[in-house]
Amino acid sequence: MEQKTGIFLIGGSAGSISVLLEILPQLRNDLSFPVVVVLHRKAYHESAMDTLLGFYSKIPVYEAHDKMLLKNGRIYLAPADYHLLFETKQQISLDVSEKVNYSRPSIDVTFQSAAKKFQQETTALLLSGANQDGTDGLQFISNCGGRVLVQDPDTAEFDFMPKQTLLSLNVNKILKPGEMASFINHLN
């Protein structure tokens, strides 16, 4: 029996936005799970990142807010300067506790929080980046029976994050940007 996906997570830092802009136009608009995106970015009062990503996506893109309820076939972006946590499988919350790996939002924090709620139904993809964030979160997901995916470091603008992950744990799949949307579209 194929592994069910309850949540799909994408984490990225430097060099990851161009990959997202390649993936989003190709995603099916009837995904049977929500997608949560955690990007390292500077905190600005007015961010247009959700608008930018939404312009490229057939799927609605929302900047997450505290106590937001998740719906399948939607993309939720962790807001700048907040950690995104899962209170339940349907509800998220935002947190301003200390930075993790110099980052808030932290990929590790969101990945671990999701895995606690979704266990083996968690699937996460780590993209390009220049720091260590994401590896511990992917390890936690793997330990809970979830699926861990990493961008092929040879295709990453900044290969440090994917390389660190590949040095630390066995991943389920290494994907080139051109393969990512198809992989996501075929998840149940």
C-alpha atoms as a PDB file:
ATOM      1  CA  MET A   1       0.000   0.000   0.000  1.00  0.00           C
ATOM      2  CA  GLU A   2       1.295   3.435  -0.951  1.00  0.00           C
ATOM      3  CA  GLN A   3       2.286   5.779   1.874  1.00  0.00           C
ATOM      4  CA  LYS A   4      -0.397   8.446   2.449  1.00  0.00           C
ATOM      5  CA  THR A   5       0.603  12.125   2.511  1.00  0.00           C
ATOM      6  CA  GLY A   6      -1.172  14.234   5.112  1.00  0.00           C
ATOM      7  CA  ILE A   7       1.120  17.253   4.752  1.00  0.00           C
ATOM      8  CA  PHE A   8       3.777  18.281   2.239  1.00  0.00           C
ATOM      9  CA  LEU A   9       6.494  20.593   3.516  1.00  0.00           C
ATOM     10  CA  ILE A  10       9.047  22.582   1.533  1.00  0.00           C
ATOM     11  CA  GLY A  11      11.995  24.252   3.228  1.00  0.00           C
ATOM     12  CA  GLY A  12      14.440  26.540   1.517  1.00  0.00           C
ATOM     13  CA  SER A  13      16.900  29.345   1.929  1.00  0.00           C
ATOM     14  CA  ALA A  14      19.294  31.111  -0.443  1.00  0.00           C
ATOM     15  CA  GLY A  15      18.653  30.039  -4.026  1.00  0.00           C
ATOM     16  CA  SER A  16      15.323  28.324  -3.345  1.00  0.00           C
ATOM     17  CA  ILE A  17      12.835  30.870  -4.698  1.00  0.00           C
ATOM     18  CA  SER A  18      13.777  30.189  -8.326  1.00  0.00           C
ATOM     19  CA  VAL A  19      13.138  26.476  -7.700  1.00  0.00           C
ATOM     20  CA  LEU A  20       9.725  27.226  -6.185  1.00  0.00           C
ATOM     21  CA  LEU A  21       8.836  29.382  -9.179  1.00  0.00           C
ATOM     22  CA  GLU A  22       9.647  26.396 -11.393  1.00  0.00           C
ATOM     23  CA  ILE A  23       7.597  23.925  -9.296  1.00  0.00           C
ATOM     24  CA  LEU A  24       4.438  25.945  -8.578  1.00  0.00           C
ATOM     25  CA  PRO A  25       3.056  26.364 -12.126  1.00  0.00           C
ATOM     26  CA  GLN A  26       3.199  22.577 -12.608  1.00  0.00           C
ATOM     27  CA  LEU A  27       1.373  21.507  -9.434  1.00  0.00           C
ATOM     28  CA  ARG A  28      -2.087  19.950  -9.803  1.00  0.00           C
ATOM     29  CA  ASN A  29      -4.816  22.139  -8.377  1.00  0.00           C
ATOM     30  CA  ASP A  30      -6.528  19.177  -6.694  1.00  0.00           C
ATOM     31  CA  LEU A  31      -3.782  17.998  -4.331  1.00  0.00           C
ATOM     32  CA  SER A  32      -5.230  15.889  -1.510  1.00  0.00           C
ATOM     33  CA  PHE A  33      -3.040  17.563   1.135  1.00  0.00           C
ATOM     34  CA  PRO A  34      -1.928  21.079   2.130  1.00  0.00           C
ATOM     35  CA  VAL A  35       1.543  22.363   1.224  1.00  0.00           C
ATOM     36  CA  VAL A  36       3.482  24.432   3.771  1.00  0.00           C
ATOM     37  CA  VAL A  37       6.502  26.436   2.608  1.00  0.00           C
ATOM     38  CA  VAL A  38       9.180  27.714   4.998  1.00  0.00           C
ATOM     39  CA  LEU A  39      11.631  30.165   3.442  1.00  0.00           C
ATOM     40  CA  HIS A  40      14.389  32.073   5.160  1.00  0.00           C
ATOM     41  CA  ARG A  41      13.739  35.737   4.448  1.00  0.00           C
ATOM     42  CA  LYS A  42      14.176  39.114   6.052  1.00  0.00           C
ATOM     43  CA  ALA A  43      11.326  40.490   8.147  1.00  0.00           C
ATOM     44  CA  TYR A  44       9.471  43.331   6.473  1.00  0.00           C
ATOM     45  CA  HIS A  45       6.204  44.879   7.582  1.00  0.00           C
ATOM     46  CA  GLU A  46       4.751  44.439   4.100  1.00  0.00           C
ATOM     47  CA  SER A  47       5.788  41.223   2.389  1.00  0.00           C
ATOM     48  CA  ALA A  48       4.611  40.360  -1.092  1.00  0.00           C
ATOM     49  CA  MET A  49       6.131  36.861  -1.159  1.00  0.00           C
ATOM     50  CA  ASP A  50       2.701  35.184  -1.051  1.00  0.00           C
ATOM     51  CA  THR A  51       1.567  37.405  -3.954  1.00  0.00           C
ATOM     52  CA  LEU A  52       4.700  36.565  -5.959  1.00  0.00           C
ATOM     53  CA  LEU A  53       4.314  32.822  -5.397  1.00  0.00           C
ATOM     54  CA  GLY A  54       0.572  33.034  -6.044  1.00  0.00           C
ATOM     55  CA  PHE A  55       1.202  34.672  -9.414  1.00  0.00           C
ATOM     56  CA  TYR A  56       3.055  31.512 -10.511  1.00  0.00           C
ATOM     57  CA  SER A  57       0.665  29.005  -8.942  1.00  0.00           C
ATOM     58  CA  LYS A  58      -2.660  27.488 -10.020  1.00  0.00           C
ATOM     59  CA  ILE A  59      -3.172  26.660  -6.344  1.00  0.00           C
ATOM     60  CA  PRO A  60      -4.135  29.464  -3.922  1.00  0.00           C
ATOM     61  CA  VAL A  61      -1.154  30.706  -1.871  1.00  0.00           C
ATOM     62  CA  TYR A  62      -1.698  32.231   1.566  1.00  0.00           C
ATOM     63  CA  GLU A  63       0.660  33.792   4.054  1.00  0.00           C
ATOM     64  CA  ALA A  64      -0.069  31.823   7.225  1.00  0.00           C
ATOM     65  CA  HIS A  65      -1.562  33.531  10.258  1.00  0.00           C
ATOM     66  CA  ASP A  66      -1.990  32.393  13.830  1.00  0.00           C
ATOM     67  CA  LYS A  67      -4.738  29.776  14.373  1.00  0.00           C
ATOM     68  CA  MET A  68      -5.255  29.380  10.611  1.00  0.00           C
ATOM     69  CA  LEU A  69      -7.069  26.229   9.488  1.00  0.00           C
ATOM     70  CA  LEU A  70      -5.384  24.275   6.700  1.00  0.00           C
ATOM     71  CA  LYS A  71      -7.208  23.000   3.632  1.00  0.00           C
ATOM     72  CA  ASN A  72      -6.105  20.446   1.067  1.00  0.00           C
ATOM     73  CA  GLY A  73      -4.939  21.811  -2.259  1.00  0.00           C
ATOM     74  CA  ARG A  74      -3.693  25.086  -0.746  1.00  0.00           C
ATOM     75  CA  ILE A  75      -0.192  26.466  -0.194  1.00  0.00           C
ATOM     76  CA  TYR A  76       0.685  28.185   3.082  1.00  0.00           C
ATOM     77  CA  LEU A  77       3.781  30.333   3.482  1.00  0.00           C
ATOM     78  CA  ALA A  78       5.380  30.765   6.895  1.00  0.00           C
ATOM     79  CA  PRO A  79       5.508  34.517   7.545  1.00  0.00           C
ATOM     80  CA  ALA A  80       8.834  36.253   8.029  1.00  0.00           C
ATOM     81  CA  ASP A  81      10.079  36.388  11.626  1.00  0.00           C
ATOM     82  CA  TYR A  82       7.667  33.696  12.953  1.00  0.00           C
ATOM     83  CA  HIS A  83       8.096  29.982  13.516  1.00  0.00           C
ATOM     84  CA  LEU A  84       5.185  28.008  12.061  1.00  0.00           C
ATOM     85  CA  LEU A  85       3.906  25.203  14.309  1.00  0.00           C
ATOM     86  CA  PHE A  86       1.150  22.601  14.005  1.00  0.00           C
ATOM     87  CA  GLU A  87      -1.368  22.597  16.854  1.00  0.00           C
ATOM     88  CA  THR A  88      -3.391  19.846  15.177  1.00  0.00           C
ATOM     89  CA  LYS A  89      -3.451  18.301  11.712  1.00  0.00           C
ATOM     90  CA  GLN A  90      -5.815  21.079  10.656  1.00  0.00           C
ATOM     91  CA  GLN A  91      -4.590  24.107  12.610  1.00  0.00           C
ATOM     92  CA  ILE A  92      -1.305  25.997  12.705  1.00  0.00           C
ATOM     93  CA  SER A  93       0.026  28.588  15.091  1.00  0.00           C
ATOM     94  CA  LEU A  94       2.808  31.156  14.924  1.00  0.00           C
ATOM     95  CA  ASP A  95       5.557  31.568  17.483  1.00  0.00           C
ATOM     96  CA  VAL A  96       8.185  34.241  18.128  1.00  0.00           C
ATOM     97  CA  SER A  97      10.539  32.200  20.324  1.00  0.00           C
ATOM     98  CA  GLU A  98      14.273  32.432  19.705  1.00  0.00           C
ATOM     99  CA  LYS A  99      15.786  31.836  16.303  1.00  0.00           C
ATOM    100  CA  VAL A 100      16.980  28.333  15.440  1.00  0.00           C
ATOM    101  CA  ASN A 101      20.014  28.077  13.145  1.00  0.00           C
ATOM    102  CA  TYR A 102      19.895  31.892  12.981  1.00  0.00           C
ATOM    103  CA  SER A 103      16.459  31.645  11.389  1.00  0.00           C
ATOM    104  CA  ARG A 104      12.868  32.508  12.208  1.00  0.00           C
ATOM    105  CA  PRO A 105      10.996  30.896  10.594  1.00  0.00           C
ATOM    106  CA  SER A 106      13.128  27.822  11.103  1.00  0.00           C
ATOM    107  CA  ILE A 107      12.731  24.881   8.764  1.00  0.00           C
ATOM    108  CA  ASP A 108      13.726  22.481  11.561  1.00  0.00           C
ATOM    109  CA  VAL A 109      11.041  23.827  13.913  1.00  0.00           C
ATOM    110  CA  THR A 110       8.237  23.478  11.350  1.00  0.00           C
ATOM    111  CA  PHE A 111       9.392  20.069  10.093  1.00  0.00           C
ATOM    112  CA  GLN A 112       9.591  18.656  13.631  1.00  0.00           C
ATOM    113  CA  SER A 113       6.237  20.133  14.637  1.00  0.00           C
ATOM    114  CA  ALA A 114       4.559  18.641  11.548  1.00  0.00           C
ATOM    115  CA  ALA A 115       6.102  15.216  12.136  1.00  0.00           C
ATOM    116  CA  LYS A 116       4.776  15.158  15.714  1.00  0.00           C
ATOM    117  CA  LYS A 117       1.217  15.537  14.388  1.00  0.00           C
ATOM    118  CA  PHE A 118       1.362  13.741  11.028  1.00  0.00           C
ATOM    119  CA  GLN A 119       3.970  11.053  11.840  1.00  0.00           C
ATOM    120  CA  GLN A 120       4.467   8.788   8.772  1.00  0.00           C
ATOM    121  CA  GLU A 121       2.070  10.972   6.720  1.00  0.00           C
ATOM    122  CA  THR A 122       4.693  13.755   6.615  1.00  0.00           C
ATOM    123  CA  THR A 123       6.595  14.361   3.387  1.00  0.00           C
ATOM    124  CA  ALA A 124       9.233  17.103   3.263  1.00  0.00           C
ATOM    125  CA  LEU A 125      11.499  18.535   0.588  1.00  0.00           C
ATOM    126  CA  LEU A 126      14.633  20.546   1.404  1.00  0.00           C
ATOM    127  CA  LEU A 127      15.840  22.967  -1.253  1.00  0.00           C
ATOM    128  CA  SER A 128      18.905  25.135  -1.832  1.00  0.00           C
ATOM    129  CA  GLY A 129      20.384  26.998   1.123  1.00  0.00           C
ATOM    130  CA  ALA A 130      23.577  28.184   2.755  1.00  0.00           C
ATOM    131  CA  ASN A 131      23.115  27.061   6.369  1.00  0.00           C
ATOM    132  CA  GLN A 132      22.386  23.918   8.411  1.00  0.00           C
ATOM    133  CA  ASP A 133      18.631  24.460   8.902  1.00  0.00           C
ATOM    134  CA  GLY A 134      16.461  21.546   7.753  1.00  0.00           C
ATOM    135  CA  THR A 135      18.707  18.568   8.447  1.00  0.00           C
ATOM    136  CA  ASP A 136      17.523  17.961  12.033  1.00  0.00           C
ATOM    137  CA  GLY A 137      13.904  18.393  10.955  1.00  0.00           C
ATOM    138  CA  LEU A 138      14.301  15.864   8.154  1.00  0.00           C
ATOM    139  CA  GLN A 139      15.954  13.429  10.578  1.00  0.00           C
ATOM    140  CA  PHE A 140      12.981  13.803  12.925  1.00  0.00           C
ATOM    141  CA  ILE A 141      10.534  13.192  10.050  1.00  0.00           C
ATOM    142  CA  SER A 142      12.507  10.118   9.005  1.00  0.00           C
ATOM    143  CA  ASN A 143      12.476   8.817  12.598  1.00  0.00           C
ATOM    144  CA  CYS A 144       8.659   9.201  12.613  1.00  0.00           C
ATOM    145  CA  GLY A 145       8.358   7.146   9.417  1.00  0.00           C
ATOM    146  CA  GLY A 146       7.790  10.101   7.067  1.00  0.00           C
ATOM    147  CA  ARG A 147       9.340  10.685   3.661  1.00  0.00           C
ATOM    148  CA  VAL A 148      12.376  12.938   3.214  1.00  0.00           C
ATOM    149  CA  LEU A 149      13.389  14.480  -0.102  1.00  0.00           C
ATOM    150  CA  VAL A 150      16.331  16.685  -0.979  1.00  0.00           C
ATOM    151  CA  GLN A 151      17.162  18.859  -3.954  1.00  0.00           C
ATOM    152  CA  ASP A 152      20.065  17.415  -5.926  1.00  0.00           C
ATOM    153  CA  PRO A 153      23.006  19.507  -4.626  1.00  0.00           C
ATOM    154  CA  ASP A 154      24.435  19.674  -8.162  1.00  0.00           C
ATOM    155  CA  THR A 155      21.353  21.701  -9.167  1.00  0.00           C
ATOM    156  CA  ALA A 156      21.280  23.962  -6.079  1.00  0.00           C
ATOM    157  CA  GLU A 157      22.452  27.547  -6.297  1.00  0.00           C
ATOM    158  CA  PHE A 158      23.691  27.109  -2.707  1.00  0.00           C
ATOM    159  CA  ASP A 159      24.380  23.424  -2.089  1.00  0.00           C
ATOM    160  CA  PHE A 160      25.277  23.540   1.621  1.00  0.00           C
ATOM    161  CA  MET A 161      21.820  22.640   3.002  1.00  0.00           C
ATOM    162  CA  PRO A 162      21.157  19.673   0.715  1.00  0.00           C
ATOM    163  CA  LYS A 163      24.752  18.422   1.071  1.00  0.00           C
ATOM    164  CA  GLN A 164      24.602  18.577   4.879  1.00  0.00           C
ATOM    165  CA  THR A 165      21.433  16.517   4.825  1.00  0.00           C
ATOM    166  CA  LEU A 166      22.919  13.900   2.513  1.00  0.00           C
ATOM    167  CA  LEU A 167      25.973  13.626   4.790  1.00  0.00           C
ATOM    168  CA  SER A 168      23.747  13.121   7.845  1.00  0.00           C
ATOM    169  CA  LEU A 169      20.941  10.793   6.808  1.00  0.00           C
ATOM    170  CA  ASN A 170      19.541   8.482   4.180  1.00  0.00           C
ATOM    171  CA  VAL A 171      16.863  10.255   2.179  1.00  0.00           C
ATOM    172  CA  ASN A 172      14.000   8.673   0.263  1.00  0.00           C
ATOM    173  CA  LYS A 173      14.727  10.591  -2.927  1.00  0.00           C
ATOM    174  CA  ILE A 174      17.114  13.169  -4.396  1.00  0.00           C
ATOM    175  CA  LEU A 175      15.263  15.338  -6.904  1.00  0.00           C
ATOM    176  CA  LYS A 176      16.273  17.774  -9.614  1.00  0.00           C
ATOM    177  CA  PRO A 177      13.977  20.851  -9.862  1.00  0.00           C
ATOM    178  CA  GLY A 178      12.442  19.501 -13.089  1.00  0.00           C
ATOM    179  CA  GLU A 179      11.357  16.306 -11.273  1.00  0.00           C
ATOM    180  CA  MET A 180       9.827  17.884  -8.164  1.00  0.00           C
ATOM    181  CA  ALA A 181       6.346  18.881  -9.384  1.00  0.00           C
ATOM    182  CA  SER A 182       5.723  15.478 -10.959  1.00  0.00           C
ATOM    183  CA  PHE A 183       6.787  13.764  -7.715  1.00  0.00           C
ATOM    184  CA  ILE A 184       4.420  15.946  -5.661  1.00  0.00           C
ATOM    185  CA  ASN A 185       1.566  15.498  -8.155  1.00  0.00           C
ATOM    186  CA  HIS A 186       1.770  11.721  -7.827  1.00  0.00           C
ATOM    187  CA  LEU A 187       1.551  11.644  -4.016  1.00  0.00           C
ATOM    188  CA  ASN A 188      -1.667  10.367  -2.427  1.00  0.00           C
END
